[in-house]
Amino acid sequence: MGRLTDDMTRLVGEIHAARNGRGRLMRDLTLATVEMRRAVAHLRRSFAADLAGARAAWLGATAPVWPRAGVPETSAPRGRGVEAERGEVLRKAGRRPRPR
């Protein structure tokens, strides 16, 4: 074969190798993203449980409080509800509370 044919054959091989490498990279990134999302979701649940426990301890709730259950309205200081407390914390942080 001639020099041009050899170079073209080599380039085609490099193109295929790069395409295969890019495909592997995309699969690895997709898998890593799924794993990271799971880890973040687990951390968020853990933090929510810790926060709910701390809130229950500070506000004097005697029953165990699950992260999504919130704190009973009657245990909030000065008659304020948990939503009001949450809105105040978000306002201090410079964020607007989301409607629920």
Protein backbone atom coordinates (compact mmCIF):
# COMPACT_ATOMS: atom_id res chain seq x y z
CA MET A 1 0.00 0.00 0.00
CA GLY A 2 1.00 3.56 -0.49
CA ARG A 3 1.80 6.13 2.14
CA LEU A 4 -1.54 7.94 1.71
CA THR A 5 -3.51 4.72 2.12
CA ASP A 6 -1.57 3.83 5.27
CA ASP A 7 -2.19 7.28 6.75
CA MET A 8 -5.91 7.12 5.95
CA THR A 9 -6.17 3.66 7.51
CA ARG A 10 -4.38 4.89 10.64
CA LEU A 11 -6.64 7.97 10.87
CA VAL A 12 -9.80 5.87 10.52
CA GLY A 13 -8.55 3.65 13.33
CA GLU A 14 -7.86 6.68 15.52
CA ILE A 15 -11.33 8.10 14.78
CA HIS A 16 -12.99 4.82 15.78
CA ALA A 17 -10.86 4.57 18.92
CA ALA A 18 -11.76 8.16 19.90
CA ARG A 19 -15.47 7.50 19.27
CA ASN A 20 -15.37 4.35 21.41
CA GLY A 21 -13.50 6.21 24.15
CA ARG A 22 -16.06 9.01 24.09
CA GLY A 23 -18.89 6.47 24.36
CA ARG A 24 -17.21 4.83 27.37
CA LEU A 25 -16.69 8.25 28.96
CA MET A 26 -20.37 9.16 28.52
CA ARG A 27 -21.49 5.83 30.03
CA ASP A 28 -19.12 6.30 32.97
CA LEU A 29 -20.32 9.87 33.52
CA THR A 30 -23.95 8.75 33.42
CA LEU A 31 -23.27 6.01 35.97
CA ALA A 32 -21.30 8.39 38.20
CA THR A 33 -24.13 10.94 38.02
CA VAL A 34 -26.69 8.36 39.12
CA GLU A 35 -24.46 7.29 42.00
CA MET A 36 -23.87 10.89 43.08
CA ARG A 37 -27.60 11.65 42.98
CA ARG A 38 -28.26 8.67 45.22
CA ALA A 39 -25.53 9.75 47.63
CA VAL A 40 -26.85 13.33 47.74
CA ALA A 41 -30.41 12.10 48.31
CA HIS A 42 -29.17 9.96 51.18
CA LEU A 43 -27.27 12.90 52.69
CA ARG A 44 -30.29 15.17 52.35
CA ARG A 45 -32.50 12.62 54.14
CA SER A 46 -29.89 12.29 56.86
CA PHE A 47 -29.59 16.06 57.30
CA ALA A 48 -33.37 16.42 57.34
CA ALA A 49 -33.64 13.79 60.07
CA ASP A 50 -30.89 15.51 62.09
CA LEU A 51 -32.57 18.88 61.65
CA ALA A 52 -35.96 17.50 62.65
CA GLY A 53 -34.43 15.93 65.73
CA ALA A 54 -32.65 19.14 66.66
CA ARG A 55 -35.81 21.18 66.11
CA ALA A 56 -37.78 18.75 68.26
CA ALA A 57 -35.15 19.00 71.00
CA TRP A 58 -35.10 22.80 70.90
CA LEU A 59 -38.87 23.20 70.75
CA GLY A 60 -39.58 20.56 73.37
CA ALA A 61 -41.43 17.98 71.30
CA THR A 62 -41.54 14.69 73.17
CA ALA A 63 -42.65 12.42 70.34
CA PRO A 64 -40.12 11.38 67.68
CA VAL A 65 -40.26 13.70 64.70
CA TRP A 66 -39.67 12.37 61.21
CA PRO A 67 -38.02 14.67 58.64
CA ARG A 68 -41.13 15.28 56.55
CA ALA A 69 -43.57 15.34 59.44
CA GLY A 70 -42.43 18.72 60.78
CA VAL A 71 -42.74 19.93 64.33
CA PRO A 72 -46.17 20.16 65.94
CA GLU A 73 -47.58 23.67 65.71
CA THR A 74 -48.30 23.82 69.44
CA SER A 75 -44.64 23.44 70.39
CA ALA A 76 -43.47 26.49 68.43
CA PRO A 77 -42.42 29.45 70.60
CA ARG A 78 -44.78 32.44 70.90
CA GLY A 79 -47.48 30.62 68.94
CA ARG A 80 -45.59 30.83 65.65
CA GLY A 81 -45.83 27.86 63.34
CA VAL A 82 -42.99 25.98 61.73
CA GLU A 83 -43.76 27.54 58.36
CA ALA A 84 -43.40 31.04 59.84
CA GLU A 85 -40.08 30.04 61.38
CA ARG A 86 -38.92 28.57 58.07
CA GLY A 87 -39.92 31.72 56.21
CA GLU A 88 -38.04 33.88 58.70
CA VAL A 89 -34.87 31.82 58.32
CA LEU A 90 -35.11 32.00 54.53
CA ARG A 91 -35.71 35.77 54.63
CA LYS A 92 -32.61 36.21 56.77
CA ALA A 93 -30.65 34.18 54.23
CA GLY A 94 -31.94 36.42 51.44
CA ARG A 95 -34.18 33.80 49.81
CA ARG A 96 -37.92 33.84 49.32
CA PRO A 97 -39.83 30.92 50.84
CA ARG A 98 -41.51 28.59 48.34
CA PRO A 99 -45.25 28.17 48.71
CA ARG A 100 -46.23 24.67 49.81
